[in-house]
PDB file of N, CA and C in Angstrom:
ATOM      1  N   UNK A   1      -9.677 -11.298 -13.920  1.00  0.00           N
ATOM      2  CA  UNK A   1      -9.466 -10.624 -12.645  1.00  0.00           C
ATOM      3  C   UNK A   1      -7.979 -10.363 -12.398  1.00  0.00           C
ATOM      4  N   UNK A   2      -7.155 -11.363 -12.694  1.00  0.00           N
ATOM      5  CA  UNK A   2      -5.717 -11.220 -12.484  1.00  0.00           C
ATOM      6  C   UNK A   2      -5.163 -10.048 -13.292  1.00  0.00           C
ATOM      7  N   UNK A   3      -5.668  -9.875 -14.507  1.00  0.00           N
ATOM      8  CA  UNK A   3      -5.223  -8.764 -15.346  1.00  0.00           C
ATOM      9  C   UNK A   3      -5.434  -7.426 -14.642  1.00  0.00           C
ATOM     10  N   UNK A   4      -6.596  -7.257 -14.029  1.00  0.00           N
ATOM     11  CA  UNK A   4      -6.916  -5.989 -13.369  1.00  0.00           C
ATOM     12  C   UNK A   4      -6.038  -5.753 -12.142  1.00  0.00           C
ATOM     13  N   UNK A   5      -5.700  -6.818 -11.434  1.00  0.00           N
ATOM     14  CA  UNK A   5      -4.805  -6.687 -10.279  1.00  0.00           C
ATOM     15  C   UNK A   5      -3.421  -6.261 -10.743  1.00  0.00           C
ATOM     16  N   UNK A   6      -2.918  -6.919 -11.782  1.00  0.00           N
ATOM     17  CA  UNK A   6      -1.592  -6.575 -12.312  1.00  0.00           C
ATOM     18  C   UNK A   6      -1.598  -5.150 -12.869  1.00  0.00           C
ATOM     19  N   UNK A   7      -2.631  -4.807 -13.623  1.00  0.00           N
ATOM     20  CA  UNK A   7      -2.743  -3.462 -14.193  1.00  0.00           C
ATOM     21  C   UNK A   7      -2.809  -2.411 -13.088  1.00  0.00           C
ATOM     22  N   UNK A   8      -3.580  -2.682 -12.042  1.00  0.00           N
ATOM     23  CA  UNK A   8      -3.685  -1.755 -10.915  1.00  0.00           C
ATOM     24  C   UNK A   8      -2.354  -1.544 -10.216  1.00  0.00           C
ATOM     25  N   UNK A   9      -1.586  -2.614 -10.087  1.00  0.00           N
ATOM     26  CA  UNK A   9      -0.264  -2.512  -9.465  1.00  0.00           C
ATOM     27  C   UNK A   9       0.662  -1.653 -10.318  1.00  0.00           C
ATOM     28  N   UNK A  10       0.636  -1.865 -11.618  1.00  0.00           N
ATOM     29  CA  UNK A  10       1.488  -1.081 -12.523  1.00  0.00           C
ATOM     30  C   UNK A  10       1.116   0.400 -12.475  1.00  0.00           C
ATOM     31  N   UNK A  11      -0.161   0.694 -12.545  1.00  0.00           N
ATOM     32  CA  UNK A  11      -0.616   2.090 -12.494  1.00  0.00           C
ATOM     33  C   UNK A  11      -0.228   2.729 -11.163  1.00  0.00           C
ATOM     34  N   UNK A  12      -0.372   1.979 -10.076  1.00  0.00           N
ATOM     35  CA  UNK A  12      -0.011   2.511  -8.755  1.00  0.00           C
ATOM     36  C   UNK A  12       1.480   2.788  -8.662  1.00  0.00           C
ATOM     37  N   UNK A  13       2.307   1.925  -9.254  1.00  0.00           N
ATOM     38  CA  UNK A  13       3.756   2.159  -9.254  1.00  0.00           C
ATOM     39  C   UNK A  13       4.098   3.423 -10.044  1.00  0.00           C
ATOM     40  N   UNK A  14       3.411   3.637 -11.147  1.00  0.00           N
ATOM     41  CA  UNK A  14       3.629   4.859 -11.933  1.00  0.00           C
ATOM     42  C   UNK A  14       3.233   6.082 -11.108  1.00  0.00           C
ATOM     43  N   UNK A  15       2.109   6.002 -10.409  1.00  0.00           N
ATOM     44  CA  UNK A  15       1.668   7.121  -9.564  1.00  0.00           C
ATOM     45  C   UNK A  15       2.679   7.437  -8.473  1.00  0.00           C
ATOM     46  N   UNK A  16       3.283   6.408  -7.885  1.00  0.00           N
ATOM     47  CA  UNK A  16       4.307   6.627  -6.853  1.00  0.00           C
ATOM     48  C   UNK A  16       5.488   7.385  -7.451  1.00  0.00           C
ATOM     49  N   UNK A  17       5.850   7.040  -8.674  1.00  0.00           N
ATOM     50  CA  UNK A  17       6.953   7.730  -9.347  1.00  0.00           C
ATOM     51  C   UNK A  17       6.597   9.189  -9.631  1.00  0.00           C
ATOM     52  N   UNK A  18       5.358   9.416 -10.050  1.00  0.00           N
ATOM     53  CA  UNK A  18       4.932  10.776 -10.396  1.00  0.00           C
ATOM     54  C   UNK A  18       4.637  11.642  -9.175  1.00  0.00           C
ATOM     55  N   UNK A  19       4.142  11.025  -8.110  1.00  0.00           N
ATOM     56  CA  UNK A  19       3.719  11.772  -6.913  1.00  0.00           C
ATOM     57  C   UNK A  19       4.313  11.144  -5.648  1.00  0.00           C
ATOM     58  N   UNK A  20       5.626  11.189  -5.496  1.00  0.00           N
ATOM     59  CA  UNK A  20       6.273  10.508  -4.366  1.00  0.00           C
ATOM     60  C   UNK A  20       5.962  11.107  -2.996  1.00  0.00           C
ATOM     61  N   UNK A  21       5.387  12.298  -2.955  1.00  0.00           N
ATOM     62  CA  UNK A  21       5.068  12.931  -1.671  1.00  0.00           C
ATOM     63  C   UNK A  21       3.597  12.808  -1.299  1.00  0.00           C
ATOM     64  N   UNK A  22       2.877  11.952  -2.006  1.00  0.00           N
ATOM     65  CA  UNK A  22       1.455  11.748  -1.735  1.00  0.00           C
ATOM     66  C   UNK A  22       1.258  10.440  -0.975  1.00  0.00           C
ATOM     67  N   UNK A  23       0.723  10.537   0.212  1.00  0.00           N
ATOM     68  CA  UNK A  23       0.473   9.317   0.988  1.00  0.00           C
ATOM     69  C   UNK A  23      -0.589   8.452   0.318  1.00  0.00           C
ATOM     70  N   UNK A  24      -1.503   9.083  -0.389  1.00  0.00           N
ATOM     71  CA  UNK A  24      -2.583   8.341  -1.040  1.00  0.00           C
ATOM     72  C   UNK A  24      -2.073   7.364  -2.094  1.00  0.00           C
ATOM     73  N   UNK A  25      -1.041   7.736  -2.844  1.00  0.00           N
ATOM     74  CA  UNK A  25      -0.541   6.818  -3.872  1.00  0.00           C
ATOM     75  C   UNK A  25       0.108   5.591  -3.240  1.00  0.00           C
ATOM     76  N   UNK A  26       0.743   5.768  -2.078  1.00  0.00           N
ATOM     77  CA  UNK A  26       1.313   4.610  -1.378  1.00  0.00           C
ATOM     78  C   UNK A  26       0.209   3.726  -0.807  1.00  0.00           C
ATOM     79  N   UNK A  27      -0.888   4.330  -0.371  1.00  0.00           N
ATOM     80  CA  UNK A  27      -2.043   3.542   0.076  1.00  0.00           C
ATOM     81  C   UNK A  27      -2.594   2.716  -1.081  1.00  0.00           C
ATOM     82  N   UNK A  28      -2.707   3.332  -2.236  1.00  0.00           N
ATOM     83  CA  UNK A  28      -3.227   2.622  -3.413  1.00  0.00           C
ATOM     84  C   UNK A  28      -2.312   1.474  -3.815  1.00  0.00           C
ATOM     85  N   UNK A  29      -1.018   1.711  -3.773  1.00  0.00           N
ATOM     86  CA  UNK A  29      -0.072   0.647  -4.109  1.00  0.00           C
ATOM     87  C   UNK A  29      -0.153  -0.478  -3.079  1.00  0.00           C
ATOM     88  N   UNK A  30      -0.287  -0.123  -1.818  1.00  0.00           N
ATOM     89  CA  UNK A  30      -0.432  -1.139  -0.770  1.00  0.00           C
ATOM     90  C   UNK A  30      -1.682  -1.985  -1.010  1.00  0.00           C
ATOM     91  N   UNK A  31      -2.768  -1.343  -1.385  1.00  0.00           N
ATOM     92  CA  UNK A  31      -4.010  -2.080  -1.658  1.00  0.00           C
ATOM     93  C   UNK A  31      -3.851  -3.008  -2.859  1.00  0.00           C
ATOM     94  N   UNK A  32      -3.125  -2.557  -3.875  1.00  0.00           N
ATOM     95  CA  UNK A  32      -2.880  -3.412  -5.041  1.00  0.00           C
ATOM     96  C   UNK A  32      -2.049  -4.631  -4.640  1.00  0.00           C
ATOM     97  N   UNK A  33      -1.035  -4.412  -3.816  1.00  0.00           N
ATOM     98  CA  UNK A  33      -0.231  -5.537  -3.338  1.00  0.00           C
ATOM     99  C   UNK A  33      -1.062  -6.479  -2.473  1.00  0.00           C
ATOM    100  N   UNK A  34      -1.954  -5.920  -1.670  1.00  0.00           N
ATOM    101  CA  UNK A  34      -2.797  -6.750  -0.813  1.00  0.00           C
ATOM    102  C   UNK A  34      -3.679  -7.670  -1.662  1.00  0.00           C
ATOM    103  N   UNK A  35      -4.204  -7.153  -2.741  1.00  0.00           N
ATOM    104  CA  UNK A  35      -5.067  -7.958  -3.615  1.00  0.00           C
ATOM    105  C   UNK A  35      -4.303  -9.078  -4.305  1.00  0.00           C
ATOM    106  N   UNK A  36      -2.987  -8.930  -4.409  1.00  0.00           N
ATOM    107  CA  UNK A  36      -2.181  -9.985  -5.018  1.00  0.00           C
ATOM    108  C   UNK A  36      -1.439 -10.802  -3.958  1.00  0.00           C
ATOM    109  N   UNK A  37      -1.913 -10.723  -2.718  1.00  0.00           N
ATOM    110  CA  UNK A  37      -1.364 -11.514  -1.596  1.00  0.00           C
ATOM    111  C   UNK A  37       0.127 -11.297  -1.373  1.00  0.00           C
ATOM    112  N   UNK A  38       0.555 -10.060  -1.438  1.00  0.00           N
ATOM    113  CA  UNK A  38       1.962  -9.718  -1.202  1.00  0.00           C
ATOM    114  C   UNK A  38       2.031  -8.864   0.062  1.00  0.00           C
ATOM    115  N   UNK A  39       1.971  -9.548   1.192  1.00  0.00           N
ATOM    116  CA  UNK A  39       1.836  -8.883   2.494  1.00  0.00           C
ATOM    117  C   UNK A  39       3.027  -7.988   2.835  1.00  0.00           C
ATOM    118  N   UNK A  40       4.239  -8.435   2.572  1.00  0.00           N
ATOM    119  CA  UNK A  40       5.411  -7.624   2.923  1.00  0.00           C
ATOM    120  C   UNK A  40       5.414  -6.298   2.165  1.00  0.00           C
ATOM    121  N   UNK A  41       5.091  -6.342   0.877  1.00  0.00           N
ATOM    122  CA  UNK A  41       5.035  -5.114   0.087  1.00  0.00           C
ATOM    123  C   UNK A  41       3.873  -4.234   0.531  1.00  0.00           C
ATOM    124  N   UNK A  42       2.780  -4.874   0.939  1.00  0.00           N
ATOM    125  CA  UNK A  42       1.629  -4.119   1.436  1.00  0.00           C
ATOM    126  C   UNK A  42       2.018  -3.318   2.668  1.00  0.00           C
ATOM    127  N   UNK A  43       2.624  -3.986   3.634  1.00  0.00           N
ATOM    128  CA  UNK A  43       3.032  -3.322   4.876  1.00  0.00           C
ATOM    129  C   UNK A  43       4.056  -2.227   4.594  1.00  0.00           C
ATOM    130  N   UNK A  44       5.027  -2.507   3.734  1.00  0.00           N
ATOM    131  CA  UNK A  44       6.067  -1.518   3.426  1.00  0.00           C
ATOM    132  C   UNK A  44       5.462  -0.241   2.840  1.00  0.00           C
ATOM    133  N   UNK A  45       4.486  -0.384   1.969  1.00  0.00           N
ATOM    134  CA  UNK A  45       3.878   0.800   1.360  1.00  0.00           C
ATOM    135  C   UNK A  45       2.954   1.528   2.318  1.00  0.00           C
ATOM    136  N   UNK A  46       2.267   0.793   3.182  1.00  0.00           N
ATOM    137  CA  UNK A  46       1.471   1.468   4.214  1.00  0.00           C
ATOM    138  C   UNK A  46       2.390   2.240   5.167  1.00  0.00           C
ATOM    139  N   UNK A  47       3.539   1.671   5.505  1.00  0.00           N
ATOM    140  CA  UNK A  47       4.482   2.376   6.384  1.00  0.00           C
ATOM    141  C   UNK A  47       5.024   3.630   5.699  1.00  0.00           C
ATOM    142  N   UNK A  48       5.310   3.532   4.411  1.00  0.00           N
ATOM    143  CA  UNK A  48       5.781   4.710   3.667  1.00  0.00           C
ATOM    144  C   UNK A  48       4.701   5.789   3.669  1.00  0.00           C
ATOM    145  N   UNK A  49       3.454   5.375   3.512  1.00  0.00           N
ATOM    146  CA  UNK A  49       2.333   6.310   3.564  1.00  0.00           C
ATOM    147  C   UNK A  49       2.291   7.027   4.909  1.00  0.00           C
ATOM    148  N   UNK A  50       2.540   6.283   5.984  1.00  0.00           N
ATOM    149  CA  UNK A  50       2.527   6.886   7.326  1.00  0.00           C
ATOM    150  C   UNK A  50       3.666   7.872   7.535  1.00  0.00           C
ATOM    151  N   UNK A  51       4.801   7.654   6.870  1.00  0.00           N
ATOM    152  CA  UNK A  51       5.895   8.622   7.015  1.00  0.00           C
ATOM    153  C   UNK A  51       5.520   9.960   6.384  1.00  0.00           C
ATOM    154  N   UNK A  52       4.636   9.914   5.403  1.00  0.00           N
ATOM    155  CA  UNK A  52       4.191  11.144   4.743  1.00  0.00           C
ATOM    156  C   UNK A  52       3.024  11.776   5.496  1.00  0.00           C
ATOM    157  N   UNK A  53       2.095  10.938   5.959  1.00  0.00           N
ATOM    158  CA  UNK A  53       0.918  11.418   6.693  1.00  0.00           C
ATOM    159  C   UNK A  53       0.763  10.588   7.963  1.00  0.00           C
ATOM    160  N   UNK A  54       1.379  11.041   9.025  1.00  0.00           N
ATOM    161  CA  UNK A  54       1.386  10.277  10.281  1.00  0.00           C
ATOM    162  C   UNK A  54       0.052  10.318  11.017  1.00  0.00           C
ATOM    163  N   UNK A  55      -0.898  11.085  10.530  1.00  0.00           N
ATOM    164  CA  UNK A  55      -2.204  11.190  11.189  1.00  0.00           C
ATOM    165  C   UNK A  55      -3.240  10.211  10.650  1.00  0.00           C
ATOM    166  N   UNK A  56      -2.832   9.300   9.798  1.00  0.00           N
ATOM    167  CA  UNK A  56      -3.776   8.371   9.183  1.00  0.00           C
ATOM    168  C   UNK A  56      -3.937   7.130  10.065  1.00  0.00           C
ATOM    169  N   UNK A  57      -4.891   7.191  10.970  1.00  0.00           N
ATOM    170  CA  UNK A  57      -5.102   6.087  11.916  1.00  0.00           C
ATOM    171  C   UNK A  57      -5.617   4.829  11.222  1.00  0.00           C
ATOM    172  N   UNK A  58      -6.291   4.989  10.102  1.00  0.00           N
ATOM    173  CA  UNK A  58      -6.791   3.837   9.354  1.00  0.00           C
ATOM    174  C   UNK A  58      -5.625   2.976   8.856  1.00  0.00           C
ATOM    175  N   UNK A  59      -4.588   3.619   8.361  1.00  0.00           N
ATOM    176  CA  UNK A  59      -3.412   2.902   7.877  1.00  0.00           C
ATOM    177  C   UNK A  59      -2.699   2.214   9.037  1.00  0.00           C
ATOM    178  N   UNK A  60      -2.624   2.872  10.177  1.00  0.00           N
ATOM    179  CA  UNK A  60      -2.014   2.253  11.357  1.00  0.00           C
ATOM    180  C   UNK A  60      -2.736   0.962  11.722  1.00  0.00           C
ATOM    181  N   UNK A  61      -4.055   0.978  11.654  1.00  0.00           N
ATOM    182  CA  UNK A  61      -4.844  -0.223  11.959  1.00  0.00           C
ATOM    183  C   UNK A  61      -4.555  -1.332  10.956  1.00  0.00           C
ATOM    184  N   UNK A  62      -4.448  -0.981   9.677  1.00  0.00           N
ATOM    185  CA  UNK A  62      -4.137  -1.977   8.654  1.00  0.00           C
ATOM    186  C   UNK A  62      -2.782  -2.622   8.919  1.00  0.00           C
ATOM    187  N   UNK A  63      -1.795  -1.809   9.268  1.00  0.00           N
ATOM    188  CA  UNK A  63      -0.454  -2.334   9.527  1.00  0.00           C
ATOM    189  C   UNK A  63      -0.482  -3.294  10.711  1.00  0.00           C
ATOM    190  N   UNK A  64      -1.149  -2.901  11.787  1.00  0.00           N
ATOM    191  CA  UNK A  64      -1.236  -3.770  12.967  1.00  0.00           C
ATOM    192  C   UNK A  64      -1.926  -5.082  12.633  1.00  0.00           C
ATOM    193  N   UNK A  65      -3.015  -4.995  11.885  1.00  0.00           N
ATOM    194  CA  UNK A  65      -3.770  -6.194  11.530  1.00  0.00           C
ATOM    195  C   UNK A  65      -2.930  -7.125  10.647  1.00  0.00           C
ATOM    196  N   UNK A  66      -2.271  -6.572   9.641  1.00  0.00           N
ATOM    197  CA  UNK A  66      -1.447  -7.389   8.751  1.00  0.00           C
ATOM    198  C   UNK A  66      -0.249  -7.985   9.485  1.00  0.00           C
ATOM    199  N   UNK A  67       0.364  -7.192  10.351  1.00  0.00           N
ATOM    200  CA  UNK A  67       1.513  -7.683  11.116  1.00  0.00           C
ATOM    201  C   UNK A  67       1.105  -8.827  12.026  1.00  0.00           C
ATOM    202  N   UNK A  68      -0.079  -8.735  12.592  1.00  0.00           N
ATOM    203  CA  UNK A  68      -0.590  -9.792  13.469  1.00  0.00           C
ATOM    204  C   UNK A  68      -0.763 -11.103  12.694  1.00  0.00           C
ATOM    205  N   UNK A  69      -1.285 -11.023  11.480  1.00  0.00           N
ATOM    206  CA  UNK A  69      -1.511 -12.225  10.678  1.00  0.00           C
ATOM    207  C   UNK A  69      -0.220 -12.844  10.167  1.00  0.00           C
ATOM    208  N   UNK A  70       0.841 -12.063  10.111  1.00  0.00           N
ATOM    209  CA  UNK A  70       2.106 -12.583   9.600  1.00  0.00           C
ATOM    210  C   UNK A  70       2.920 -13.310  10.656  1.00  0.00           C
ATOM    211  N   UNK A  71       2.510 -13.217  11.916  1.00  0.00           N
ATOM    212  CA  UNK A  71       3.268 -13.866  12.993  1.00  0.00           C
ATOM    213  C   UNK A  71       3.053 -15.353  12.989  1.00  0.00           C
TER     214      UNK A  71
END
């Protein structure tokens, strides 16, 4: 299982490099970080996704929920 999480994170980082203007790739990277319990990186990538697509209310909810748990 750990292999797939690490592999997913690597692939997502490559996608961010290839498609830096796609909010979806930042969402995918955030999800990969979430699966590896890296909350700060998860929030940072969800926020980057929102700067590209500010109409994504689902991502806003994720950020609020994660921020609440980090307090």
